[in-house]
Amino acid sequence: MPLPSSFFEPFDTTYSRVTERMRAYGATLPAAEQRWLTSLIDGFMIQRNRWTTAPEIAPYLDSCARLRWRFLRLIASAYLHVSYDLPRVIANHWNFDPPRVTEERTELIFFDLSNVFPEILETVAVNYTVSGWPSIVAKWFVPKGAVKAAAHWVLLLRASAWIHARRLYLSKPQQRHYREKKMLEAITAAVADVSNLRPWSAGLLFPPNLARAVAWPSLPDVLVHLDRAWVGSAAAASLLMGAAIWRGRHQAEMQRFVDELGRRVYDYVNAAIFDPEGLSNYLRKRAPGHIDTPRGTRAD
């Protein structure tokens, strides 16, 4: 079942701001270098627009369908974009207009923009389109630990994208196609493996059978059914206390999820690039139940 367009709103909202910053930066460059950067920006957008129509991406999106929170959907989309779209587009434009645009200059430009996404991520995390209803109470509910974890992995994944792009560029066409196929397989496996780890609760993921997923009632929905004012006040106090406890656990859980997903995407895609023939064996060894899990968790 195709994901609704609302699934991608958090990423699209964030990436539109990233694109604005990139274009503004490009305007400061010499004409030839600006054309190179513009070609990347346009290529990135073309790849983003293919997500819902490219059949090869469907398995990844299916693996993301259980993500309950807008912020997690943003991160899953960002990891796909940085680890899969970026290296392929960069490889397409690796040898761009020599000698006016050198590899040394393109590398400098690319890495000079490294902090754009992490900086914008921090500013949009309180945006309703990005974080959903928790942004209504802004800083109290914003998953700061998850934001920092995501920024950390995006920086690493982006740096790897440059290395991976060079490997794709140097590959023969058939080898490149095979590597790209394995890259997407690796990213899909990372999401599926992390989703199957414990103890991810219903607070993060919908159950596997989405038709049986039930939305949690909001505080106003609960209180509207209370008949007496004093009962409502006591219940509200209890619910607020419970919300504070839930907030702490939820934020810690979300941070672990974002961190674990970033780590696996990083590891899996590196394996796909440098040893695509051995990827399947690598994934079997790294699957839940065959790896060390974070302290206090267990793999089922």
C-alpha atoms as a PDB file:
ATOM      1  CA  MET A   1       0.000   0.000   0.000  1.00  0.00           C
ATOM      2  CA  PRO A   2       1.552   3.345  -1.052  1.00  0.00           C
ATOM      3  CA  LEU A   3       2.424   5.734   1.724  1.00  0.00           C
ATOM      4  CA  PRO A   4       0.308   8.907   1.873  1.00  0.00           C
ATOM      5  CA  SER A   5       1.912  12.181   0.819  1.00  0.00           C
ATOM      6  CA  SER A   6       1.716  13.346   4.435  1.00  0.00           C
ATOM      7  CA  PHE A   7       4.389  10.764   5.295  1.00  0.00           C
ATOM      8  CA  PHE A   8       6.974  12.841   3.405  1.00  0.00           C
ATOM      9  CA  GLU A   9       5.892  16.277   4.654  1.00  0.00           C
ATOM     10  CA  PRO A  10       8.454  16.410   7.497  1.00  0.00           C
ATOM     11  CA  PHE A  11      11.336  15.694   5.128  1.00  0.00           C
ATOM     12  CA  ASP A  12      10.051  17.922   2.338  1.00  0.00           C
ATOM     13  CA  THR A  13       9.561  20.838   4.739  1.00  0.00           C
ATOM     14  CA  THR A  14      13.097  20.410   6.048  1.00  0.00           C
ATOM     15  CA  TYR A  15      14.725  19.813   2.693  1.00  0.00           C
ATOM     16  CA  SER A  16      13.096  22.834   1.064  1.00  0.00           C
ATOM     17  CA  ARG A  17      14.975  24.971   3.586  1.00  0.00           C
ATOM     18  CA  VAL A  18      18.170  23.019   2.981  1.00  0.00           C
ATOM     19  CA  THR A  19      17.792  23.641  -0.755  1.00  0.00           C
ATOM     20  CA  GLU A  20      17.305  27.359  -0.196  1.00  0.00           C
ATOM     21  CA  ARG A  21      20.543  27.508   1.786  1.00  0.00           C
ATOM     22  CA  MET A  22      22.403  25.525  -0.859  1.00  0.00           C
ATOM     23  CA  ARG A  23      21.205  27.781  -3.665  1.00  0.00           C
ATOM     24  CA  ALA A  24      22.134  30.882  -1.664  1.00  0.00           C
ATOM     25  CA  TYR A  25      25.615  29.446  -1.144  1.00  0.00           C
ATOM     26  CA  GLY A  26      25.860  28.607  -4.831  1.00  0.00           C
ATOM     27  CA  ALA A  27      25.143  32.225  -5.741  1.00  0.00           C
ATOM     28  CA  THR A  28      28.474  33.175  -4.142  1.00  0.00           C
ATOM     29  CA  LEU A  29      30.478  30.797  -6.361  1.00  0.00           C
ATOM     30  CA  PRO A  30      32.060  31.343  -9.777  1.00  0.00           C
ATOM     31  CA  ALA A  31      29.672  30.574 -12.627  1.00  0.00           C
ATOM     32  CA  ALA A  32      31.068  27.140 -13.512  1.00  0.00           C
ATOM     33  CA  GLU A  33      31.076  25.953  -9.897  1.00  0.00           C
ATOM     34  CA  GLN A  34      27.575  27.323  -9.380  1.00  0.00           C
ATOM     35  CA  ARG A  35      26.381  25.293 -12.370  1.00  0.00           C
ATOM     36  CA  TRP A  36      27.917  22.165 -10.827  1.00  0.00           C
ATOM     37  CA  LEU A  37      26.186  22.737  -7.500  1.00  0.00           C
ATOM     38  CA  THR A  38      22.908  23.556  -9.233  1.00  0.00           C
ATOM     39  CA  SER A  39      23.150  20.319 -11.209  1.00  0.00           C
ATOM     40  CA  LEU A  40      23.468  18.415  -7.909  1.00  0.00           C
ATOM     41  CA  ILE A  41      20.542  20.246  -6.314  1.00  0.00           C
ATOM     42  CA  ASP A  42      18.344  19.559  -9.330  1.00  0.00           C
ATOM     43  CA  GLY A  43      19.483  15.928  -9.442  1.00  0.00           C
ATOM     44  CA  PHE A  44      18.720  15.463  -5.726  1.00  0.00           C
ATOM     45  CA  MET A  45      15.212  16.791  -6.256  1.00  0.00           C
ATOM     46  CA  ILE A  46      14.616  14.518  -9.232  1.00  0.00           C
ATOM     47  CA  GLN A  47      15.560  11.515  -7.118  1.00  0.00           C
ATOM     48  CA  ARG A  48      13.309  12.655  -4.260  1.00  0.00           C
ATOM     49  CA  ASN A  49      10.383  12.966  -6.680  1.00  0.00           C
ATOM     50  CA  ARG A  50      10.918   9.363  -7.808  1.00  0.00           C
ATOM     51  CA  TRP A  51      10.392   7.857  -4.365  1.00  0.00           C
ATOM     52  CA  THR A  52       6.706   7.069  -4.825  1.00  0.00           C
ATOM     53  CA  THR A  53       6.994   5.884  -8.430  1.00  0.00           C
ATOM     54  CA  ALA A  54      10.241   3.892  -8.504  1.00  0.00           C
ATOM     55  CA  PRO A  55       9.393   0.233  -7.797  1.00  0.00           C
ATOM     56  CA  GLU A  56      12.860  -0.498  -6.420  1.00  0.00           C
ATOM     57  CA  ILE A  57      12.292   1.961  -3.547  1.00  0.00           C
ATOM     58  CA  ALA A  58       8.933   0.453  -2.549  1.00  0.00           C
ATOM     59  CA  PRO A  59      10.466  -2.167  -0.179  1.00  0.00           C
ATOM     60  CA  TYR A  60      12.230   0.582   1.778  1.00  0.00           C
ATOM     61  CA  LEU A  61       9.048   2.634   2.046  1.00  0.00           C
ATOM     62  CA  ASP A  62       7.143  -0.475   3.124  1.00  0.00           C
ATOM     63  CA  SER A  63       9.676  -0.936   5.911  1.00  0.00           C
ATOM     64  CA  CYS A  64       9.060   2.675   6.978  1.00  0.00           C
ATOM     65  CA  ALA A  65       5.272   2.339   7.069  1.00  0.00           C
ATOM     66  CA  ARG A  66       5.237   1.407  10.776  1.00  0.00           C
ATOM     67  CA  LEU A  67       6.909   4.628  11.908  1.00  0.00           C
ATOM     68  CA  ARG A  68       4.396   6.445  14.081  1.00  0.00           C
ATOM     69  CA  TRP A  69       6.082   9.822  14.623  1.00  0.00           C
ATOM     70  CA  ARG A  70       6.642  12.559  12.070  1.00  0.00           C
ATOM     71  CA  PHE A  71      10.182  13.071  13.332  1.00  0.00           C
ATOM     72  CA  LEU A  72      11.063   9.420  12.709  1.00  0.00           C
ATOM     73  CA  ARG A  73       9.623   9.685   9.215  1.00  0.00           C
ATOM     74  CA  LEU A  74      11.833  12.711   8.605  1.00  0.00           C
ATOM     75  CA  ILE A  75      14.916  10.806   9.725  1.00  0.00           C
ATOM     76  CA  ALA A  76      14.097   7.685   7.706  1.00  0.00           C
ATOM     77  CA  SER A  77      13.637   9.865   4.624  1.00  0.00           C
ATOM     78  CA  ALA A  78      16.839  11.798   5.329  1.00  0.00           C
ATOM     79  CA  TYR A  79      18.893   8.615   5.690  1.00  0.00           C
ATOM     80  CA  LEU A  80      17.520   7.332   2.377  1.00  0.00           C
ATOM     81  CA  HIS A  81      18.241  10.612   0.635  1.00  0.00           C
ATOM     82  CA  VAL A  82      21.770  11.038   1.976  1.00  0.00           C
ATOM     83  CA  SER A  83      22.855   7.401   1.637  1.00  0.00           C
ATOM     84  CA  TYR A  84      21.208   6.516  -1.676  1.00  0.00           C
ATOM     85  CA  ASP A  85      20.287   9.633  -3.659  1.00  0.00           C
ATOM     86  CA  LEU A  86      23.376  11.730  -2.936  1.00  0.00           C
ATOM     87  CA  PRO A  87      26.109   9.301  -4.010  1.00  0.00           C
ATOM     88  CA  ARG A  88      24.354   8.383  -7.244  1.00  0.00           C
ATOM     89  CA  VAL A  89      23.744  12.007  -8.252  1.00  0.00           C
ATOM     90  CA  ILE A  90      27.266  13.072  -7.286  1.00  0.00           C
ATOM     91  CA  ALA A  91      28.687  10.182  -9.323  1.00  0.00           C
ATOM     92  CA  ASN A  92      26.695  11.405 -12.341  1.00  0.00           C
ATOM     93  CA  HIS A  93      28.394  14.801 -12.084  1.00  0.00           C
ATOM     94  CA  TRP A  94      31.811  13.758 -10.806  1.00  0.00           C
ATOM     95  CA  ASN A  95      33.824  14.904 -13.820  1.00  0.00           C
ATOM     96  CA  PHE A  96      32.017  18.209 -14.406  1.00  0.00           C
ATOM     97  CA  ASP A  97      33.304  20.792 -16.879  1.00  0.00           C
ATOM     98  CA  PRO A  98      37.044  20.254 -16.432  1.00  0.00           C
ATOM     99  CA  PRO A  99      39.356  22.110 -16.039  1.00  0.00           C
ATOM    100  CA  ARG A 100      37.164  24.991 -14.819  1.00  0.00           C
ATOM    101  CA  VAL A 101      35.646  22.812 -12.093  1.00  0.00           C
ATOM    102  CA  THR A 102      38.241  20.607 -10.434  1.00  0.00           C
ATOM    103  CA  GLU A 103      37.657  17.652  -8.140  1.00  0.00           C
ATOM    104  CA  GLU A 104      39.433  19.550  -5.391  1.00  0.00           C
ATOM    105  CA  ARG A 105      36.990  22.460  -5.673  1.00  0.00           C
ATOM    106  CA  THR A 106      33.868  20.289  -5.853  1.00  0.00           C
ATOM    107  CA  GLU A 107      34.990  18.406  -2.754  1.00  0.00           C
ATOM    108  CA  LEU A 108      35.572  21.680  -0.920  1.00  0.00           C
ATOM    109  CA  ILE A 109      32.135  22.987  -1.912  1.00  0.00           C
ATOM    110  CA  PHE A 110      30.391  19.756  -0.924  1.00  0.00           C
ATOM    111  CA  PHE A 111      31.956  19.598   2.518  1.00  0.00           C
ATOM    112  CA  ASP A 112      31.559  23.335   3.093  1.00  0.00           C
ATOM    113  CA  LEU A 113      27.801  22.634   3.083  1.00  0.00           C
ATOM    114  CA  SER A 114      28.001  19.763   5.575  1.00  0.00           C
ATOM    115  CA  ASN A 115      26.421  21.592   8.500  1.00  0.00           C
ATOM    116  CA  VAL A 116      23.392  22.903   6.613  1.00  0.00           C
ATOM    117  CA  PHE A 117      21.095  19.964   7.342  1.00  0.00           C
ATOM    118  CA  PRO A 118      21.991  19.595  11.063  1.00  0.00           C
ATOM    119  CA  GLU A 119      21.537  23.342  11.615  1.00  0.00           C
ATOM    120  CA  ILE A 120      18.157  23.422   9.914  1.00  0.00           C
ATOM    121  CA  LEU A 121      17.071  20.226  11.656  1.00  0.00           C
ATOM    122  CA  GLU A 122      17.467  21.928  15.029  1.00  0.00           C
ATOM    123  CA  THR A 123      15.352  24.892  13.934  1.00  0.00           C
ATOM    124  CA  VAL A 124      12.525  22.895  12.331  1.00  0.00           C
ATOM    125  CA  ALA A 125      12.222  20.334  15.124  1.00  0.00           C
ATOM    126  CA  VAL A 126       9.607  22.576  16.790  1.00  0.00           C
ATOM    127  CA  ASN A 127       7.641  22.875  13.545  1.00  0.00           C
ATOM    128  CA  TYR A 128       4.280  21.044  13.594  1.00  0.00           C
ATOM    129  CA  THR A 129       4.799  19.761  10.047  1.00  0.00           C
ATOM    130  CA  VAL A 130       8.049  18.140  11.163  1.00  0.00           C
ATOM    131  CA  SER A 131       7.353  16.951  14.712  1.00  0.00           C
ATOM    132  CA  GLY A 132       3.549  16.805  14.887  1.00  0.00           C
ATOM    133  CA  TRP A 133       1.555  17.622  18.017  1.00  0.00           C
ATOM    134  CA  PRO A 134       4.560  17.521  20.420  1.00  0.00           C
ATOM    135  CA  SER A 135       5.718  20.758  18.797  1.00  0.00           C
ATOM    136  CA  ILE A 136       2.656  22.476  20.272  1.00  0.00           C
ATOM    137  CA  VAL A 137       4.439  22.409  23.604  1.00  0.00           C
ATOM    138  CA  ALA A 138       7.688  23.016  21.722  1.00  0.00           C
ATOM    139  CA  LYS A 139      10.887  22.556  23.681  1.00  0.00           C
ATOM    140  CA  TRP A 140       9.347  20.386  26.393  1.00  0.00           C
ATOM    141  CA  PHE A 141       8.546  17.578  23.961  1.00  0.00           C
ATOM    142  CA  VAL A 142      11.151  18.069  21.221  1.00  0.00           C
ATOM    143  CA  PRO A 143      13.374  14.947  21.247  1.00  0.00           C
ATOM    144  CA  LYS A 144      16.680  16.794  21.680  1.00  0.00           C
ATOM    145  CA  GLY A 145      18.700  13.608  22.051  1.00  0.00           C
ATOM    146  CA  ALA A 146      17.213  12.203  18.848  1.00  0.00           C
ATOM    147  CA  VAL A 147      17.924  15.478  17.025  1.00  0.00           C
ATOM    148  CA  LYS A 148      21.589  15.320  18.064  1.00  0.00           C
ATOM    149  CA  ALA A 149      21.850  11.649  17.115  1.00  0.00           C
ATOM    150  CA  ALA A 150      20.302  12.347  13.717  1.00  0.00           C
ATOM    151  CA  ALA A 151      22.648  15.288  13.102  1.00  0.00           C
ATOM    152  CA  HIS A 152      25.624  13.103  14.002  1.00  0.00           C
ATOM    153  CA  TRP A 153      24.690  10.325  11.593  1.00  0.00           C
ATOM    154  CA  VAL A 154      23.669  12.653   8.769  1.00  0.00           C
ATOM    155  CA  LEU A 155      27.139  14.201   8.898  1.00  0.00           C
ATOM    156  CA  LEU A 156      28.796  10.774   8.760  1.00  0.00           C
ATOM    157  CA  LEU A 157      26.466   9.466   6.068  1.00  0.00           C
ATOM    158  CA  ARG A 158      27.002  12.591   3.998  1.00  0.00           C
ATOM    159  CA  ALA A 159      30.784  12.245   4.226  1.00  0.00           C
ATOM    160  CA  SER A 160      30.466   8.598   3.198  1.00  0.00           C
ATOM    161  CA  ALA A 161      28.255   9.617   0.273  1.00  0.00           C
ATOM    162  CA  TRP A 162      31.222  11.417  -1.285  1.00  0.00           C
ATOM    163  CA  ILE A 163      33.423   8.338  -0.948  1.00  0.00           C
ATOM    164  CA  HIS A 164      30.669   6.095  -2.264  1.00  0.00           C
ATOM    165  CA  ALA A 165      30.043   8.446  -5.192  1.00  0.00           C
ATOM    166  CA  ARG A 166      33.658   8.140  -6.257  1.00  0.00           C
ATOM    167  CA  ARG A 167      33.440   4.347  -6.113  1.00  0.00           C
ATOM    168  CA  LEU A 168      30.284   4.436  -8.256  1.00  0.00           C
ATOM    169  CA  TYR A 169      31.901   6.822 -10.732  1.00  0.00           C
ATOM    170  CA  LEU A 170      34.916   4.538 -11.158  1.00  0.00           C
ATOM    171  CA  SER A 171      32.754   1.423 -11.564  1.00  0.00           C
ATOM    172  CA  LYS A 172      31.870  -0.035 -14.913  1.00  0.00           C
ATOM    173  CA  PRO A 173      28.165   0.427 -15.797  1.00  0.00           C
ATOM    174  CA  GLN A 174      27.173  -3.122 -14.873  1.00  0.00           C
ATOM    175  CA  GLN A 175      29.179  -2.992 -11.641  1.00  0.00           C
ATOM    176  CA  ARG A 176      27.671   0.359 -10.745  1.00  0.00           C
ATOM    177  CA  HIS A 177      24.134  -0.879 -11.296  1.00  0.00           C
ATOM    178  CA  TYR A 178      24.842  -3.871  -9.068  1.00  0.00           C
ATOM    179  CA  ARG A 179      26.369  -1.699  -6.331  1.00  0.00           C
ATOM    180  CA  GLU A 180      23.410   0.685  -6.385  1.00  0.00           C
ATOM    181  CA  LYS A 181      21.022  -2.240  -6.107  1.00  0.00           C
ATOM    182  CA  LYS A 182      22.935  -3.547  -3.095  1.00  0.00           C
ATOM    183  CA  MET A 183      23.021  -0.080  -1.509  1.00  0.00           C
ATOM    184  CA  LEU A 184      19.245   0.125  -1.559  1.00  0.00           C
ATOM    185  CA  GLU A 185      19.000  -3.438  -0.289  1.00  0.00           C
ATOM    186  CA  ALA A 186      21.294  -2.467   2.585  1.00  0.00           C
ATOM    187  CA  ILE A 187      19.268   0.609   3.575  1.00  0.00           C
ATOM    188  CA  THR A 188      16.050  -1.387   3.449  1.00  0.00           C
ATOM    189  CA  ALA A 189      17.553  -4.095   5.640  1.00  0.00           C
ATOM    190  CA  ALA A 190      18.701  -1.473   8.149  1.00  0.00           C
ATOM    191  CA  VAL A 191      15.180  -0.117   8.651  1.00  0.00           C
ATOM    192  CA  ALA A 192      13.654  -3.581   8.832  1.00  0.00           C
ATOM    193  CA  ASP A 193      16.251  -4.830  11.327  1.00  0.00           C
ATOM    194  CA  VAL A 194      15.949  -1.813  13.620  1.00  0.00           C
ATOM    195  CA  SER A 195      12.148  -2.015  13.539  1.00  0.00           C
ATOM    196  CA  ASN A 196      12.341  -5.634  14.668  1.00  0.00           C
ATOM    197  CA  LEU A 197      14.591  -4.919  17.626  1.00  0.00           C
ATOM    198  CA  ARG A 198      13.232  -4.781  21.155  1.00  0.00           C
ATOM    199  CA  PRO A 199      12.128  -2.974  23.194  1.00  0.00           C
ATOM    200  CA  TRP A 200      10.577  -0.611  20.646  1.00  0.00           C
ATOM    201  CA  SER A 201       7.095   0.002  21.937  1.00  0.00           C
ATOM    202  CA  ALA A 202       3.818   1.019  20.368  1.00  0.00           C
ATOM    203  CA  GLY A 203       4.939   4.537  21.251  1.00  0.00           C
ATOM    204  CA  LEU A 204       7.321   4.455  18.277  1.00  0.00           C
ATOM    205  CA  LEU A 205       5.964   1.913  15.819  1.00  0.00           C
ATOM    206  CA  PHE A 206       2.558   0.882  14.625  1.00  0.00           C
ATOM    207  CA  PRO A 207       1.959  -2.862  14.877  1.00  0.00           C
ATOM    208  CA  PRO A 208       2.898  -4.905  11.787  1.00  0.00           C
ATOM    209  CA  ASN A 209      -0.767  -5.134  10.864  1.00  0.00           C
ATOM    210  CA  LEU A 210      -1.512  -1.468  10.202  1.00  0.00           C
ATOM    211  CA  ALA A 211      -5.225  -2.115   9.905  1.00  0.00           C
ATOM    212  CA  ARG A 212      -5.274  -2.913  13.633  1.00  0.00           C
ATOM    213  CA  ALA A 213      -3.335   0.196  14.665  1.00  0.00           C
ATOM    214  CA  VAL A 214      -5.297   2.322  17.122  1.00  0.00           C
ATOM    215  CA  ALA A 215      -4.533   5.985  17.780  1.00  0.00           C
ATOM    216  CA  TRP A 216      -3.956   6.981  21.376  1.00  0.00           C
ATOM    217  CA  PRO A 217      -6.618   9.309  22.842  1.00  0.00           C
ATOM    218  CA  SER A 218      -5.553  12.872  23.541  1.00  0.00           C
ATOM    219  CA  LEU A 219      -5.849  14.525  26.946  1.00  0.00           C
ATOM    220  CA  PRO A 220      -8.978  16.543  25.942  1.00  0.00           C
ATOM    221  CA  ASP A 221     -10.594  13.351  24.634  1.00  0.00           C
ATOM    222  CA  VAL A 222     -10.063  11.687  28.015  1.00  0.00           C
ATOM    223  CA  LEU A 223     -11.254  14.602  30.147  1.00  0.00           C
ATOM    224  CA  VAL A 224     -14.385  15.276  28.128  1.00  0.00           C
ATOM    225  CA  HIS A 225     -15.851  12.011  29.439  1.00  0.00           C
ATOM    226  CA  LEU A 226     -15.314  12.892  33.115  1.00  0.00           C
ATOM    227  CA  ASP A 227     -18.500  14.077  34.799  1.00  0.00           C
ATOM    228  CA  ARG A 228     -17.237  15.842  37.934  1.00  0.00           C
ATOM    229  CA  ALA A 229     -14.864  18.766  37.997  1.00  0.00           C
ATOM    230  CA  TRP A 230     -12.838  17.446  40.940  1.00  0.00           C
ATOM    231  CA  VAL A 231     -12.507  14.061  39.306  1.00  0.00           C
ATOM    232  CA  GLY A 232     -11.371  15.785  36.141  1.00  0.00           C
ATOM    233  CA  SER A 233      -8.768  17.810  38.042  1.00  0.00           C
ATOM    234  CA  ALA A 234      -7.380  14.759  39.818  1.00  0.00           C
ATOM    235  CA  ALA A 235      -7.340  12.815  36.597  1.00  0.00           C
ATOM    236  CA  ALA A 236      -5.628  15.698  34.813  1.00  0.00           C
ATOM    237  CA  ALA A 237      -2.907  15.845  37.474  1.00  0.00           C
ATOM    238  CA  SER A 238      -2.364  12.107  37.185  1.00  0.00           C
ATOM    239  CA  LEU A 239      -2.251  12.284  33.433  1.00  0.00           C
ATOM    240  CA  LEU A 240       0.239  15.151  33.480  1.00  0.00           C
ATOM    241  CA  MET A 241       2.490  13.238  35.862  1.00  0.00           C
ATOM    242  CA  GLY A 242       2.201  10.201  33.649  1.00  0.00           C
ATOM    243  CA  ALA A 243       2.943  12.369  30.615  1.00  0.00           C
ATOM    244  CA  ALA A 244       6.173  13.601  32.227  1.00  0.00           C
ATOM    245  CA  ILE A 245       7.297  10.029  32.881  1.00  0.00           C
ATOM    246  CA  TRP A 246       6.258   8.961  29.395  1.00  0.00           C
ATOM    247  CA  ARG A 247       8.118  11.924  27.877  1.00  0.00           C
ATOM    248  CA  GLY A 248      11.416  10.866  29.421  1.00  0.00           C
ATOM    249  CA  ARG A 249      11.065   7.260  28.326  1.00  0.00           C
ATOM    250  CA  HIS A 250       9.760   8.193  24.905  1.00  0.00           C
ATOM    251  CA  GLN A 251      12.601  10.599  24.176  1.00  0.00           C
ATOM    252  CA  ALA A 252      15.234   8.089  25.300  1.00  0.00           C
ATOM    253  CA  GLU A 253      13.617   5.409  23.168  1.00  0.00           C
ATOM    254  CA  MET A 254      13.414   7.690  20.142  1.00  0.00           C
ATOM    255  CA  GLN A 255      17.074   8.640  20.531  1.00  0.00           C
ATOM    256  CA  ARG A 256      18.099   4.973  20.631  1.00  0.00           C
ATOM    257  CA  PHE A 257      16.020   4.241  17.556  1.00  0.00           C
ATOM    258  CA  VAL A 258      17.501   7.126  15.527  1.00  0.00           C
ATOM    259  CA  ASP A 259      21.013   6.252  16.662  1.00  0.00           C
ATOM    260  CA  GLU A 260      20.653   2.542  15.937  1.00  0.00           C
ATOM    261  CA  LEU A 261      19.127   3.201  12.529  1.00  0.00           C
ATOM    262  CA  GLY A 262      21.925   5.620  11.625  1.00  0.00           C
ATOM    263  CA  ARG A 263      24.588   3.155  12.720  1.00  0.00           C
ATOM    264  CA  ARG A 264      23.091   0.327  10.693  1.00  0.00           C
ATOM    265  CA  VAL A 265      22.573   2.411   7.565  1.00  0.00           C
ATOM    266  CA  TYR A 266      26.200   3.532   7.823  1.00  0.00           C
ATOM    267  CA  ASP A 267      27.517  -0.018   8.319  1.00  0.00           C
ATOM    268  CA  TYR A 268      25.245  -1.728   5.827  1.00  0.00           C
ATOM    269  CA  VAL A 269      25.798   0.740   2.972  1.00  0.00           C
ATOM    270  CA  ASN A 270      29.563   0.672   3.467  1.00  0.00           C
ATOM    271  CA  ALA A 271      29.395  -3.104   3.183  1.00  0.00           C
ATOM    272  CA  ALA A 272      27.295  -2.818   0.022  1.00  0.00           C
ATOM    273  CA  ILE A 273      29.761  -0.450  -1.622  1.00  0.00           C
ATOM    274  CA  PHE A 274      33.004  -2.193  -0.743  1.00  0.00           C
ATOM    275  CA  ASP A 275      31.902  -5.840  -0.829  1.00  0.00           C
ATOM    276  CA  PRO A 276      28.503  -6.113  -2.554  1.00  0.00           C
ATOM    277  CA  GLU A 277      29.012  -9.831  -3.165  1.00  0.00           C
ATOM    278  CA  GLY A 278      29.311 -10.431   0.564  1.00  0.00           C
ATOM    279  CA  LEU A 279      26.443  -8.165   1.617  1.00  0.00           C
ATOM    280  CA  SER A 280      23.911 -10.948   2.195  1.00  0.00           C
ATOM    281  CA  ASN A 281      26.270 -12.829   4.493  1.00  0.00           C
ATOM    282  CA  TYR A 282      27.120  -9.595   6.303  1.00  0.00           C
ATOM    283  CA  LEU A 283      23.436  -8.823   6.880  1.00  0.00           C
ATOM    284  CA  ARG A 284      22.797 -12.285   8.272  1.00  0.00           C
ATOM    285  CA  LYS A 285      25.541 -11.768  10.837  1.00  0.00           C
ATOM    286  CA  ARG A 286      24.235  -8.317  11.760  1.00  0.00           C
ATOM    287  CA  ALA A 287      20.557  -9.231  11.961  1.00  0.00           C
ATOM    288  CA  PRO A 288      18.733  -9.011  15.327  1.00  0.00           C
ATOM    289  CA  GLY A 289      19.669 -11.995  17.460  1.00  0.00           C
ATOM    290  CA  HIS A 290      23.198 -12.144  16.032  1.00  0.00           C
ATOM    291  CA  ILE A 291      24.600  -8.862  17.320  1.00  0.00           C
ATOM    292  CA  ASP A 292      25.300  -7.144  20.590  1.00  0.00           C
ATOM    293  CA  THR A 293      22.411  -4.864  21.494  1.00  0.00           C
ATOM    294  CA  PRO A 294      22.505  -1.720  23.656  1.00  0.00           C
ATOM    295  CA  ARG A 295      22.648  -2.277  27.396  1.00  0.00           C
ATOM    296  CA  GLY A 296      19.215  -2.827  28.865  1.00  0.00           C
ATOM    297  CA  THR A 297      17.761  -4.206  25.633  1.00  0.00           C
ATOM    298  CA  ARG A 298      17.523  -7.622  24.113  1.00  0.00           C
ATOM    299  CA  ALA A 299      17.189  -8.869  20.552  1.00  0.00           C
ATOM    300  CA  ASP A 300      14.371 -11.261  19.770  1.00  0.00           C
END
